[in-house]
């Protein structure tokens, strides 16, 4: 099992997808799970500040992942919510939702069930520290805030949702502080994680760096 943790916009999702493909592993996006909880809660009129109610939403979350070509799609029941969970509003909601210990407890068993059997690349905020502390290879992927804001702005624009880069940067700083400062499962590197800074590196270079580490440990 491989875990990739790190802040928003560091490239975890793209790197994890490419790494999973290169290794022939499955892909589990834990961040997408929290985004899906935020989306499901919003649709059910459950406030993102209501931990116990959110835990109920999380416990009943009918989430599944499936590769379609090169894209890892996220489904809630029969609905493909891959695009719906990537809006700035739901991104902010996911960070708020993930701060509740009740939600994290409710989702722990789900994440471990989805990753059962090994041969999986898992990406998120605390996958190497809390969810899968015994993973064979752990990475903490980072990039400068400016680089992450540039990437996120380009991603939103490409998806038809133009965004202001300065506003995106401010949101990244706010989310970093919230994710790193939360009382439960804060975003910190695992003690045995390999730190990888993707600033100024191509996707191929980053994936090759991680793949070399994984194969050396196999």
N, C-alpha and C. Protein backbone atom coordinates (compact mmCIF):
# COMPACT_ATOMS: atom_id res chain seq x y z
N UNK A 1 0.84 -1.20 0.00
CA UNK A 1 0.00 0.00 0.00
C UNK A 1 0.88 1.25 0.00
N UNK A 2 0.41 2.26 -0.73
CA UNK A 2 1.12 3.54 -0.84
C UNK A 2 0.20 4.65 -0.36
N UNK A 3 0.68 5.54 0.51
CA UNK A 3 -0.11 6.70 0.93
C UNK A 3 0.58 7.97 0.46
N UNK A 4 -0.23 8.93 0.02
CA UNK A 4 0.28 10.23 -0.40
C UNK A 4 -0.54 11.29 0.32
N UNK A 5 0.08 11.98 1.26
CA UNK A 5 -0.57 13.06 1.98
C UNK A 5 0.03 14.39 1.55
N UNK A 6 -0.65 15.47 1.94
CA UNK A 6 -0.13 16.79 1.62
C UNK A 6 -1.25 17.80 1.50
N UNK A 7 -0.90 19.07 1.35
CA UNK A 7 -1.91 20.14 1.31
C UNK A 7 -2.65 20.18 -0.01
N UNK A 8 -3.75 20.92 -0.02
CA UNK A 8 -4.56 21.09 -1.23
C UNK A 8 -3.73 21.73 -2.34
N UNK A 9 -3.87 21.22 -3.55
CA UNK A 9 -3.20 21.81 -4.70
C UNK A 9 -1.78 21.37 -4.92
N UNK A 10 -1.30 20.42 -4.11
CA UNK A 10 0.09 19.96 -4.27
C UNK A 10 0.24 18.99 -5.43
N UNK A 11 -0.90 18.53 -5.96
CA UNK A 11 -0.85 17.60 -7.08
C UNK A 11 -1.10 16.15 -6.69
N UNK A 12 -1.61 15.94 -5.47
CA UNK A 12 -1.79 14.58 -4.98
C UNK A 12 -2.68 13.72 -5.87
N UNK A 13 -3.82 14.28 -6.28
CA UNK A 13 -4.78 13.50 -7.06
C UNK A 13 -4.18 13.05 -8.39
N UNK A 14 -3.54 13.98 -9.09
CA UNK A 14 -2.96 13.66 -10.39
C UNK A 14 -1.80 12.68 -10.24
N UNK A 15 -0.94 12.92 -9.27
CA UNK A 15 0.21 12.04 -9.04
C UNK A 15 -0.26 10.65 -8.61
N UNK A 16 -1.24 10.60 -7.71
CA UNK A 16 -1.74 9.32 -7.23
C UNK A 16 -2.34 8.50 -8.37
N UNK A 17 -3.09 9.17 -9.24
CA UNK A 17 -3.69 8.46 -10.38
C UNK A 17 -2.62 7.88 -11.29
N UNK A 18 -1.63 8.70 -11.62
CA UNK A 18 -0.57 8.23 -12.51
C UNK A 18 0.26 7.13 -11.86
N UNK A 19 0.52 7.27 -10.56
CA UNK A 19 1.30 6.26 -9.86
C UNK A 19 0.55 4.94 -9.78
N UNK A 20 -0.75 5.01 -9.51
CA UNK A 20 -1.56 3.80 -9.45
C UNK A 20 -1.54 3.08 -10.79
N UNK A 21 -1.65 3.83 -11.87
CA UNK A 21 -1.61 3.25 -13.21
C UNK A 21 -0.25 2.60 -13.47
N UNK A 22 0.82 3.28 -13.08
CA UNK A 22 2.17 2.76 -13.33
C UNK A 22 2.44 1.48 -12.56
N UNK A 23 1.88 1.38 -11.36
CA UNK A 23 2.11 0.22 -10.50
C UNK A 23 1.08 -0.89 -10.71
N UNK A 24 -0.01 -0.57 -11.41
CA UNK A 24 -1.09 -1.53 -11.55
C UNK A 24 -1.91 -1.66 -10.28
N UNK A 25 -1.96 -0.57 -9.49
CA UNK A 25 -2.69 -0.55 -8.23
C UNK A 25 -4.06 0.11 -8.41
N UNK A 26 -4.94 -0.07 -7.41
CA UNK A 26 -6.20 0.67 -7.36
C UNK A 26 -5.93 2.04 -6.75
N UNK A 27 -6.89 2.95 -6.90
CA UNK A 27 -6.74 4.30 -6.39
C UNK A 27 -7.88 4.64 -5.45
N UNK A 28 -7.53 5.14 -4.26
CA UNK A 28 -8.52 5.58 -3.28
C UNK A 28 -8.25 7.03 -2.92
N UNK A 29 -9.17 7.91 -3.26
CA UNK A 29 -9.04 9.34 -3.01
C UNK A 29 -9.85 9.68 -1.75
N UNK A 30 -9.17 9.75 -0.59
CA UNK A 30 -9.89 10.01 0.65
C UNK A 30 -10.44 11.43 0.69
N UNK A 31 -9.76 12.35 0.01
CA UNK A 31 -10.27 13.72 -0.05
C UNK A 31 -11.62 13.77 -0.74
N UNK A 32 -11.79 12.94 -1.76
CA UNK A 32 -13.07 12.89 -2.48
C UNK A 32 -14.18 12.37 -1.57
N UNK A 33 -13.81 11.51 -0.62
CA UNK A 33 -14.81 10.99 0.31
C UNK A 33 -15.34 12.12 1.19
N UNK A 34 -14.44 12.96 1.72
CA UNK A 34 -14.88 14.08 2.54
C UNK A 34 -15.65 15.10 1.71
N UNK A 35 -15.24 15.29 0.46
CA UNK A 35 -15.99 16.19 -0.42
C UNK A 35 -17.40 15.64 -0.64
N UNK A 36 -17.49 14.32 -0.81
CA UNK A 36 -18.79 13.70 -1.03
C UNK A 36 -19.69 13.85 0.19
N UNK A 37 -19.10 13.76 1.38
CA UNK A 37 -19.87 13.99 2.61
C UNK A 37 -20.40 15.42 2.63
N UNK A 38 -19.53 16.37 2.28
CA UNK A 38 -19.94 17.78 2.25
C UNK A 38 -21.08 17.99 1.26
N UNK A 39 -20.97 17.38 0.09
CA UNK A 39 -22.01 17.51 -0.93
C UNK A 39 -23.32 16.88 -0.46
N UNK A 40 -23.22 15.66 0.07
CA UNK A 40 -24.42 14.96 0.53
C UNK A 40 -25.09 15.74 1.68
N UNK A 41 -24.28 16.31 2.56
CA UNK A 41 -24.82 17.09 3.67
C UNK A 41 -25.53 18.34 3.17
N UNK A 42 -24.92 19.02 2.22
CA UNK A 42 -25.54 20.23 1.67
C UNK A 42 -26.88 19.89 1.04
N UNK A 43 -26.93 18.80 0.32
CA UNK A 43 -28.18 18.40 -0.34
C UNK A 43 -29.25 17.99 0.67
N UNK A 44 -28.80 17.50 1.83
CA UNK A 44 -29.74 17.07 2.87
C UNK A 44 -30.02 18.17 3.89
N UNK A 45 -29.51 19.38 3.62
CA UNK A 45 -29.68 20.53 4.53
C UNK A 45 -29.09 20.28 5.90
N UNK A 46 -27.97 19.54 5.92
CA UNK A 46 -27.23 19.32 7.16
C UNK A 46 -26.08 20.33 7.20
N UNK A 47 -25.99 21.09 8.27
CA UNK A 47 -24.96 22.13 8.38
C UNK A 47 -23.58 21.51 8.50
N UNK A 48 -22.58 22.13 7.89
CA UNK A 48 -21.21 21.63 7.96
C UNK A 48 -20.60 21.82 9.35
N UNK A 49 -21.33 22.49 10.22
CA UNK A 49 -20.87 22.69 11.61
C UNK A 49 -21.47 21.66 12.56
N UNK A 50 -22.38 20.83 12.08
CA UNK A 50 -23.10 19.88 12.93
C UNK A 50 -22.42 18.51 12.86
N UNK A 51 -21.45 18.28 13.74
CA UNK A 51 -20.67 17.06 13.72
C UNK A 51 -21.49 15.78 13.82
N UNK A 52 -22.37 15.65 14.83
CA UNK A 52 -23.14 14.41 14.96
C UNK A 52 -24.01 14.11 13.74
N UNK A 53 -24.67 15.15 13.19
CA UNK A 53 -25.51 14.93 12.01
C UNK A 53 -24.66 14.57 10.80
N UNK A 54 -23.50 15.18 10.67
CA UNK A 54 -22.59 14.87 9.57
C UNK A 54 -22.09 13.43 9.67
N UNK A 55 -21.87 12.96 10.90
CA UNK A 55 -21.43 11.58 11.09
C UNK A 55 -22.48 10.61 10.57
N UNK A 56 -23.75 10.97 10.74
CA UNK A 56 -24.82 10.14 10.21
C UNK A 56 -24.80 10.10 8.69
N UNK A 57 -24.53 11.24 8.08
CA UNK A 57 -24.41 11.31 6.62
C UNK A 57 -23.23 10.44 6.16
N UNK A 58 -22.11 10.57 6.87
CA UNK A 58 -20.91 9.82 6.50
C UNK A 58 -21.11 8.32 6.62
N UNK A 59 -21.79 7.90 7.69
CA UNK A 59 -21.98 6.47 7.94
C UNK A 59 -22.81 5.80 6.86
N UNK A 60 -23.69 6.59 6.23
CA UNK A 60 -24.57 6.03 5.20
C UNK A 60 -24.12 6.38 3.78
N UNK A 61 -22.90 6.88 3.64
CA UNK A 61 -22.44 7.39 2.34
C UNK A 61 -22.28 6.24 1.33
N UNK A 62 -23.05 6.24 0.23
CA UNK A 62 -22.98 5.15 -0.76
C UNK A 62 -21.93 5.44 -1.83
N UNK A 63 -20.67 5.61 -1.44
CA UNK A 63 -19.64 6.06 -2.37
C UNK A 63 -18.89 4.88 -3.00
N UNK A 64 -18.57 5.05 -4.28
CA UNK A 64 -17.78 4.06 -5.01
C UNK A 64 -16.85 4.79 -5.97
N UNK A 65 -15.69 4.18 -6.25
CA UNK A 65 -14.73 4.73 -7.21
C UNK A 65 -14.60 3.78 -8.39
N UNK A 66 -14.40 4.36 -9.58
CA UNK A 66 -14.21 3.51 -10.76
C UNK A 66 -13.43 4.28 -11.83
N UNK A 67 -12.37 3.66 -12.34
CA UNK A 67 -11.64 4.26 -13.45
C UNK A 67 -12.47 4.15 -14.72
N UNK A 68 -12.58 5.26 -15.44
CA UNK A 68 -13.17 5.28 -16.78
C UNK A 68 -12.10 5.89 -17.67
N UNK A 69 -11.42 5.05 -18.43
CA UNK A 69 -10.26 5.53 -19.17
C UNK A 69 -9.18 5.91 -18.17
N UNK A 70 -8.76 7.16 -18.20
CA UNK A 70 -7.72 7.65 -17.29
C UNK A 70 -8.29 8.47 -16.14
N UNK A 71 -9.61 8.49 -16.02
CA UNK A 71 -10.25 9.32 -15.00
C UNK A 71 -10.85 8.44 -13.90
N UNK A 72 -10.53 8.77 -12.65
CA UNK A 72 -11.08 8.05 -11.50
C UNK A 72 -12.39 8.73 -11.10
N UNK A 73 -13.51 8.13 -11.48
CA UNK A 73 -14.82 8.74 -11.23
C UNK A 73 -15.32 8.40 -9.83
N UNK A 74 -16.08 9.34 -9.27
CA UNK A 74 -16.66 9.19 -7.94
C UNK A 74 -18.17 9.12 -8.08
N UNK A 75 -18.77 8.09 -7.50
CA UNK A 75 -20.21 7.90 -7.59
C UNK A 75 -20.83 7.89 -6.20
N UNK A 76 -21.96 8.54 -6.07
CA UNK A 76 -22.82 8.43 -4.89
C UNK A 76 -24.06 7.70 -5.37
N UNK A 77 -24.18 6.45 -5.01
CA UNK A 77 -25.26 5.65 -5.57
C UNK A 77 -25.06 5.53 -7.07
N UNK A 78 -26.08 5.89 -7.82
CA UNK A 78 -26.01 5.81 -9.29
C UNK A 78 -25.55 7.10 -9.94
N UNK A 79 -25.27 8.13 -9.13
CA UNK A 79 -24.91 9.44 -9.69
C UNK A 79 -23.40 9.66 -9.70
N UNK A 80 -22.88 10.10 -10.83
CA UNK A 80 -21.48 10.48 -10.96
C UNK A 80 -21.34 11.91 -10.44
N UNK A 81 -20.65 12.07 -9.33
CA UNK A 81 -20.51 13.40 -8.71
C UNK A 81 -19.08 13.93 -8.84
N UNK A 82 -18.33 13.39 -9.77
CA UNK A 82 -16.92 13.76 -9.92
C UNK A 82 -16.73 15.27 -10.08
N UNK A 83 -17.59 15.91 -10.86
CA UNK A 83 -17.49 17.36 -11.05
C UNK A 83 -18.11 18.13 -9.90
N UNK A 84 -19.24 17.64 -9.40
CA UNK A 84 -19.97 18.36 -8.35
C UNK A 84 -19.16 18.52 -7.07
N UNK A 85 -18.26 17.57 -6.76
CA UNK A 85 -17.50 17.66 -5.51
C UNK A 85 -16.24 18.51 -5.64
N UNK A 86 -15.97 19.05 -6.85
CA UNK A 86 -14.74 19.80 -7.06
C UNK A 86 -14.95 21.31 -7.11
N UNK A 87 -16.14 21.79 -6.79
CA UNK A 87 -16.37 23.23 -6.80
C UNK A 87 -15.69 23.87 -5.58
N UNK A 88 -15.34 25.16 -5.66
CA UNK A 88 -14.72 25.83 -4.51
C UNK A 88 -15.56 25.75 -3.24
N UNK A 89 -16.88 25.83 -3.39
CA UNK A 89 -17.77 25.77 -2.23
C UNK A 89 -17.66 24.42 -1.52
N UNK A 90 -17.70 23.34 -2.28
CA UNK A 90 -17.62 22.01 -1.69
C UNK A 90 -16.21 21.73 -1.17
N UNK A 91 -15.20 22.29 -1.82
CA UNK A 91 -13.83 22.15 -1.31
C UNK A 91 -13.71 22.74 0.09
N UNK A 92 -14.28 23.93 0.26
CA UNK A 92 -14.27 24.57 1.57
C UNK A 92 -15.09 23.75 2.57
N UNK A 93 -16.22 23.24 2.11
CA UNK A 93 -17.06 22.42 2.99
C UNK A 93 -16.36 21.16 3.43
N UNK A 94 -15.60 20.54 2.52
CA UNK A 94 -14.89 19.31 2.87
C UNK A 94 -13.89 19.54 3.99
N UNK A 95 -13.21 20.69 3.95
CA UNK A 95 -12.24 21.01 5.00
C UNK A 95 -12.94 21.19 6.34
N UNK A 96 -14.12 21.81 6.32
CA UNK A 96 -14.88 21.99 7.56
C UNK A 96 -15.41 20.66 8.08
N UNK A 97 -15.93 19.86 7.16
CA UNK A 97 -16.49 18.56 7.53
C UNK A 97 -15.42 17.66 8.15
N UNK A 98 -14.22 17.68 7.56
CA UNK A 98 -13.16 16.78 8.00
C UNK A 98 -12.61 17.12 9.38
N UNK A 99 -12.95 18.30 9.88
CA UNK A 99 -12.46 18.71 11.21
C UNK A 99 -13.24 18.07 12.34
N UNK A 100 -14.39 17.46 12.04
CA UNK A 100 -15.22 16.87 13.08
C UNK A 100 -14.75 15.44 13.40
N UNK A 101 -14.40 15.17 14.65
CA UNK A 101 -13.94 13.82 15.01
C UNK A 101 -14.99 12.74 14.75
N UNK A 102 -16.27 13.10 14.89
CA UNK A 102 -17.33 12.12 14.65
C UNK A 102 -17.33 11.66 13.19
N UNK A 103 -17.06 12.60 12.28
CA UNK A 103 -17.04 12.27 10.86
C UNK A 103 -15.84 11.38 10.54
N UNK A 104 -14.69 11.74 11.08
CA UNK A 104 -13.48 10.98 10.80
C UNK A 104 -13.61 9.54 11.33
N UNK A 105 -14.24 9.41 12.50
CA UNK A 105 -14.46 8.07 13.05
C UNK A 105 -15.42 7.27 12.16
N UNK A 106 -16.47 7.93 11.70
CA UNK A 106 -17.46 7.25 10.86
C UNK A 106 -16.86 6.79 9.54
N UNK A 107 -15.90 7.54 9.02
CA UNK A 107 -15.33 7.21 7.71
C UNK A 107 -14.11 6.29 7.77
N UNK A 108 -13.56 6.09 8.96
CA UNK A 108 -12.35 5.29 9.07
C UNK A 108 -12.58 3.85 8.57
N UNK A 109 -13.65 3.24 9.02
CA UNK A 109 -13.95 1.87 8.60
C UNK A 109 -14.23 1.80 7.11
N UNK A 110 -14.93 2.83 6.58
CA UNK A 110 -15.23 2.86 5.15
C UNK A 110 -13.96 2.91 4.32
N UNK A 111 -13.03 3.78 4.71
CA UNK A 111 -11.78 3.90 3.96
C UNK A 111 -10.98 2.60 3.99
N UNK A 112 -10.93 1.98 5.15
CA UNK A 112 -10.18 0.72 5.26
C UNK A 112 -10.86 -0.40 4.47
N UNK A 113 -12.18 -0.38 4.41
CA UNK A 113 -12.89 -1.39 3.61
C UNK A 113 -12.60 -1.19 2.12
N UNK A 114 -12.63 0.07 1.67
CA UNK A 114 -12.39 0.35 0.27
C UNK A 114 -10.97 -0.01 -0.16
N UNK A 115 -10.03 0.01 0.80
CA UNK A 115 -8.63 -0.28 0.48
C UNK A 115 -8.24 -1.71 0.83
N UNK A 116 -9.20 -2.52 1.26
CA UNK A 116 -8.90 -3.90 1.68
C UNK A 116 -8.23 -4.69 0.56
N UNK A 117 -7.27 -5.52 0.95
CA UNK A 117 -6.60 -6.37 -0.01
C UNK A 117 -5.28 -5.82 -0.52
N UNK A 118 -4.97 -4.57 -0.17
CA UNK A 118 -3.70 -3.98 -0.60
C UNK A 118 -3.68 -3.65 -2.08
N UNK A 119 -2.48 -3.39 -2.60
CA UNK A 119 -2.34 -3.02 -3.99
C UNK A 119 -3.11 -1.76 -4.32
N UNK A 120 -2.98 -0.75 -3.45
CA UNK A 120 -3.76 0.47 -3.61
C UNK A 120 -2.91 1.70 -3.29
N UNK A 121 -3.15 2.77 -4.03
CA UNK A 121 -2.55 4.07 -3.74
C UNK A 121 -3.65 4.92 -3.10
N UNK A 122 -3.38 5.44 -1.90
CA UNK A 122 -4.35 6.23 -1.15
C UNK A 122 -3.83 7.64 -1.00
N UNK A 123 -4.67 8.62 -1.30
CA UNK A 123 -4.22 10.00 -1.12
C UNK A 123 -5.20 10.80 -0.30
N UNK A 124 -4.65 11.73 0.51
CA UNK A 124 -5.49 12.55 1.37
C UNK A 124 -4.66 13.45 2.26
N UNK A 125 -5.08 13.62 3.52
CA UNK A 125 -4.40 14.51 4.46
C UNK A 125 -3.74 13.73 5.60
N UNK A 126 -4.35 12.61 5.99
CA UNK A 126 -3.82 11.87 7.15
C UNK A 126 -3.77 10.37 6.89
N UNK A 127 -3.60 9.98 5.63
CA UNK A 127 -3.66 8.56 5.30
C UNK A 127 -2.46 7.79 5.86
N UNK A 128 -1.30 8.44 5.92
CA UNK A 128 -0.11 7.76 6.44
C UNK A 128 0.03 7.85 7.94
N UNK A 129 -0.67 8.79 8.57
CA UNK A 129 -0.55 8.97 10.01
C UNK A 129 -1.67 8.29 10.79
N UNK A 130 -2.88 8.29 10.25
CA UNK A 130 -4.04 7.80 10.98
C UNK A 130 -4.72 6.61 10.30
N UNK A 131 -5.03 6.76 9.02
CA UNK A 131 -5.86 5.76 8.35
C UNK A 131 -5.09 4.47 8.07
N UNK A 132 -3.87 4.62 7.51
CA UNK A 132 -3.07 3.45 7.17
C UNK A 132 -1.63 3.63 7.69
N UNK A 133 -1.46 3.61 9.01
CA UNK A 133 -0.13 3.86 9.60
C UNK A 133 0.90 2.79 9.27
N UNK A 134 0.45 1.61 8.79
CA UNK A 134 1.39 0.54 8.48
C UNK A 134 1.66 0.41 6.98
N UNK A 135 1.32 1.42 6.21
CA UNK A 135 1.54 1.39 4.76
C UNK A 135 3.02 1.17 4.44
N UNK A 136 3.28 0.45 3.36
CA UNK A 136 4.66 0.13 3.00
C UNK A 136 5.45 1.30 2.49
N UNK A 137 4.78 2.27 1.86
CA UNK A 137 5.46 3.46 1.35
C UNK A 137 4.58 4.67 1.61
N UNK A 138 5.14 5.68 2.29
CA UNK A 138 4.38 6.89 2.62
C UNK A 138 5.09 8.11 2.03
N UNK A 139 4.30 9.01 1.47
CA UNK A 139 4.86 10.23 0.90
C UNK A 139 4.09 11.44 1.44
N UNK A 140 4.81 12.57 1.56
CA UNK A 140 4.17 13.85 1.88
C UNK A 140 4.53 14.78 0.74
N UNK A 141 3.54 15.05 -0.11
CA UNK A 141 3.74 15.82 -1.33
C UNK A 141 3.36 17.28 -1.10
N UNK A 142 4.29 18.17 -1.40
CA UNK A 142 4.04 19.59 -1.20
C UNK A 142 4.39 20.37 -2.46
N UNK A 143 4.04 21.65 -2.44
CA UNK A 143 4.44 22.62 -3.47
C UNK A 143 4.26 23.99 -2.82
N UNK A 144 4.89 25.00 -3.37
CA UNK A 144 4.75 26.33 -2.79
C UNK A 144 3.29 26.79 -2.91
N UNK A 145 2.81 27.63 -1.99
CA UNK A 145 1.43 28.12 -2.08
C UNK A 145 1.15 28.81 -3.42
N UNK A 146 2.10 29.58 -3.92
CA UNK A 146 1.90 30.26 -5.20
C UNK A 146 1.73 29.26 -6.34
N UNK A 147 2.53 28.21 -6.33
CA UNK A 147 2.43 27.18 -7.36
C UNK A 147 1.10 26.45 -7.25
N UNK A 148 0.69 26.16 -6.05
CA UNK A 148 -0.58 25.45 -5.85
C UNK A 148 -1.75 26.31 -6.29
N UNK A 149 -1.70 27.61 -6.02
CA UNK A 149 -2.77 28.52 -6.45
C UNK A 149 -2.83 28.60 -7.98
N UNK A 150 -1.66 28.64 -8.60
CA UNK A 150 -1.62 28.69 -10.07
C UNK A 150 -2.24 27.44 -10.67
N UNK A 151 -1.88 26.29 -10.13
CA UNK A 151 -2.42 25.02 -10.65
C UNK A 151 -3.93 24.94 -10.45
N UNK A 152 -4.39 25.32 -9.26
CA UNK A 152 -5.81 25.22 -8.96
C UNK A 152 -6.61 26.17 -9.85
N UNK A 153 -6.10 27.36 -10.07
CA UNK A 153 -6.78 28.32 -10.93
C UNK A 153 -6.88 27.79 -12.36
N UNK A 154 -5.80 27.20 -12.84
CA UNK A 154 -5.79 26.62 -14.19
C UNK A 154 -6.78 25.46 -14.28
N UNK A 155 -6.85 24.65 -13.22
CA UNK A 155 -7.77 23.51 -13.20
C UNK A 155 -9.21 23.97 -13.26
N UNK A 156 -9.55 25.00 -12.46
CA UNK A 156 -10.91 25.52 -12.45
C UNK A 156 -11.28 26.15 -13.79
N UNK A 157 -10.33 26.88 -14.37
CA UNK A 157 -10.58 27.52 -15.67
C UNK A 157 -10.82 26.48 -16.75
N UNK A 158 -10.00 25.43 -16.72
CA UNK A 158 -10.16 24.36 -17.71
C UNK A 158 -11.50 23.66 -17.57
N UNK A 159 -12.05 23.66 -16.36
CA UNK A 159 -13.34 23.01 -16.10
C UNK A 159 -14.51 23.96 -16.36
N UNK A 160 -14.19 25.16 -16.90
CA UNK A 160 -15.25 26.11 -17.20
C UNK A 160 -15.69 26.95 -16.02
N UNK A 161 -14.87 27.00 -14.96
CA UNK A 161 -15.20 27.78 -13.77
C UNK A 161 -14.06 28.75 -13.47
N UNK A 162 -13.90 29.80 -14.31
CA UNK A 162 -12.79 30.74 -14.12
C UNK A 162 -12.72 31.28 -12.70
N UNK A 163 -11.50 31.39 -12.17
CA UNK A 163 -11.32 31.84 -10.79
C UNK A 163 -10.20 32.87 -10.73
N UNK A 164 -10.25 33.72 -9.71
CA UNK A 164 -9.21 34.72 -9.49
C UNK A 164 -8.07 34.08 -8.71
N UNK A 165 -6.86 34.14 -9.25
CA UNK A 165 -5.73 33.45 -8.63
C UNK A 165 -5.43 33.97 -7.23
N UNK A 166 -5.58 35.27 -7.02
CA UNK A 166 -5.32 35.84 -5.70
C UNK A 166 -6.32 35.30 -4.68
N UNK A 167 -7.57 35.17 -5.09
CA UNK A 167 -8.60 34.63 -4.19
C UNK A 167 -8.33 33.16 -3.90
N UNK A 168 -7.88 32.43 -4.90
CA UNK A 168 -7.56 31.02 -4.71
C UNK A 168 -6.40 30.88 -3.74
N UNK A 169 -5.39 31.75 -3.88
CA UNK A 169 -4.24 31.71 -2.98
C UNK A 169 -4.67 31.98 -1.53
N UNK A 170 -5.55 32.96 -1.35
CA UNK A 170 -6.04 33.27 0.00
C UNK A 170 -6.79 32.07 0.58
N UNK A 171 -7.57 31.41 -0.26
CA UNK A 171 -8.32 30.24 0.20
C UNK A 171 -7.38 29.10 0.59
N UNK A 172 -6.29 28.94 -0.16
CA UNK A 172 -5.30 27.90 0.14
C UNK A 172 -4.64 28.16 1.49
N UNK A 173 -4.26 29.41 1.73
CA UNK A 173 -3.64 29.75 3.03
C UNK A 173 -4.61 29.46 4.17
N UNK A 174 -5.89 29.82 3.98
CA UNK A 174 -6.89 29.60 5.02
C UNK A 174 -7.09 28.10 5.26
N UNK A 175 -7.16 27.34 4.16
CA UNK A 175 -7.39 25.90 4.31
C UNK A 175 -6.18 25.21 4.93
N UNK A 176 -4.98 25.62 4.55
CA UNK A 176 -3.78 25.04 5.15
C UNK A 176 -3.79 25.21 6.66
N UNK A 177 -4.14 26.42 7.10
CA UNK A 177 -4.16 26.69 8.53
C UNK A 177 -5.20 25.85 9.25
N UNK A 178 -6.35 25.70 8.62
CA UNK A 178 -7.42 24.91 9.22
C UNK A 178 -7.06 23.43 9.27
N UNK A 179 -6.50 22.91 8.17
CA UNK A 179 -6.16 21.48 8.10
C UNK A 179 -5.01 21.11 9.04
N UNK A 180 -4.01 22.01 9.13
CA UNK A 180 -2.85 21.71 9.97
C UNK A 180 -3.12 21.97 11.45
N UNK A 181 -4.09 22.85 11.73
CA UNK A 181 -4.33 23.23 13.11
C UNK A 181 -5.47 22.53 13.80
N UNK A 182 -6.19 21.65 13.08
CA UNK A 182 -7.33 21.00 13.71
C UNK A 182 -6.86 20.05 14.82
N UNK A 183 -7.71 19.86 15.81
CA UNK A 183 -7.34 19.06 16.98
C UNK A 183 -7.26 17.58 16.66
N UNK A 184 -8.09 17.12 15.74
CA UNK A 184 -8.14 15.69 15.41
C UNK A 184 -7.50 15.44 14.05
N UNK A 185 -6.54 14.52 14.00
CA UNK A 185 -5.87 14.12 12.75
C UNK A 185 -5.43 15.32 11.91
N UNK A 186 -4.58 16.18 12.47
CA UNK A 186 -4.12 17.32 11.68
C UNK A 186 -3.27 16.87 10.50
N UNK A 187 -3.17 17.75 9.50
CA UNK A 187 -2.37 17.44 8.32
C UNK A 187 -0.89 17.64 8.66
N UNK A 188 -0.22 16.57 9.00
CA UNK A 188 1.21 16.59 9.28
C UNK A 188 1.83 15.37 8.62
N UNK A 189 3.12 15.44 8.26
CA UNK A 189 3.76 14.27 7.65
C UNK A 189 3.92 13.14 8.65
N UNK A 190 3.78 11.92 8.18
CA UNK A 190 4.11 10.77 9.02
C UNK A 190 5.61 10.80 9.27
N UNK A 191 6.03 10.29 10.42
CA UNK A 191 7.45 10.33 10.77
C UNK A 191 8.31 9.62 9.74
N UNK A 192 7.76 8.58 9.10
CA UNK A 192 8.53 7.81 8.12
C UNK A 192 8.15 8.15 6.68
N UNK A 193 7.50 9.30 6.48
CA UNK A 193 7.11 9.69 5.12
C UNK A 193 8.29 10.27 4.35
N UNK A 194 8.33 10.02 3.06
CA UNK A 194 9.31 10.63 2.17
C UNK A 194 8.73 11.96 1.70
N UNK A 195 9.44 13.07 1.93
CA UNK A 195 8.96 14.39 1.53
C UNK A 195 9.33 14.66 0.07
N UNK A 196 8.34 15.08 -0.72
CA UNK A 196 8.56 15.38 -2.13
C UNK A 196 7.95 16.75 -2.43
N UNK A 197 8.79 17.70 -2.87
CA UNK A 197 8.33 19.03 -3.25
C UNK A 197 8.19 19.06 -4.77
N UNK A 198 6.96 19.25 -5.25
CA UNK A 198 6.71 19.20 -6.69
C UNK A 198 6.87 20.54 -7.39
N UNK A 199 7.23 21.58 -6.64
CA UNK A 199 7.41 22.90 -7.24
C UNK A 199 8.49 22.85 -8.32
N UNK A 200 8.15 23.29 -9.52
CA UNK A 200 9.13 23.33 -10.60
C UNK A 200 9.42 22.00 -11.26
N UNK A 201 8.74 20.94 -10.83
CA UNK A 201 8.95 19.62 -11.41
C UNK A 201 7.79 19.26 -12.33
N UNK A 202 8.06 18.47 -13.34
CA UNK A 202 6.99 17.99 -14.20
C UNK A 202 6.28 16.83 -13.51
N UNK A 203 5.08 16.53 -14.00
CA UNK A 203 4.33 15.41 -13.46
C UNK A 203 5.11 14.11 -13.62
N UNK A 204 5.72 13.92 -14.77
CA UNK A 204 6.50 12.71 -15.02
C UNK A 204 7.65 12.56 -14.03
N UNK A 205 8.30 13.67 -13.70
CA UNK A 205 9.42 13.63 -12.76
C UNK A 205 8.95 13.23 -11.36
N UNK A 206 7.83 13.78 -10.93
CA UNK A 206 7.32 13.48 -9.59
C UNK A 206 6.88 12.02 -9.51
N UNK A 207 6.15 11.56 -10.51
CA UNK A 207 5.67 10.17 -10.51
C UNK A 207 6.85 9.20 -10.53
N UNK A 208 7.85 9.51 -11.34
CA UNK A 208 9.02 8.63 -11.43
C UNK A 208 9.75 8.56 -10.09
N UNK A 209 9.81 9.69 -9.38
CA UNK A 209 10.47 9.74 -8.06
C UNK A 209 9.75 8.83 -7.08
N UNK A 210 8.42 8.92 -7.04
CA UNK A 210 7.65 8.08 -6.12
C UNK A 210 7.71 6.60 -6.54
N UNK A 211 7.59 6.35 -7.82
CA UNK A 211 7.59 4.97 -8.30
C UNK A 211 8.90 4.27 -7.96
N UNK A 212 10.01 5.00 -8.07
CA UNK A 212 11.31 4.41 -7.75
C UNK A 212 11.39 3.98 -6.30
N UNK A 213 10.83 4.80 -5.41
CA UNK A 213 10.83 4.46 -3.99
C UNK A 213 9.98 3.22 -3.72
N UNK A 214 8.79 3.18 -4.32
CA UNK A 214 7.89 2.04 -4.10
C UNK A 214 8.50 0.75 -4.61
N UNK A 215 9.06 0.78 -5.81
CA UNK A 215 9.61 -0.43 -6.39
C UNK A 215 10.87 -0.90 -5.61
N UNK A 216 11.61 0.05 -5.05
CA UNK A 216 12.79 -0.31 -4.27
C UNK A 216 12.39 -1.03 -2.98
N UNK A 217 11.17 -0.78 -2.51
CA UNK A 217 10.71 -1.41 -1.27
C UNK A 217 9.90 -2.68 -1.51
N UNK A 218 9.62 -2.98 -2.75
CA UNK A 218 8.78 -4.14 -3.07
C UNK A 218 9.58 -5.44 -2.96
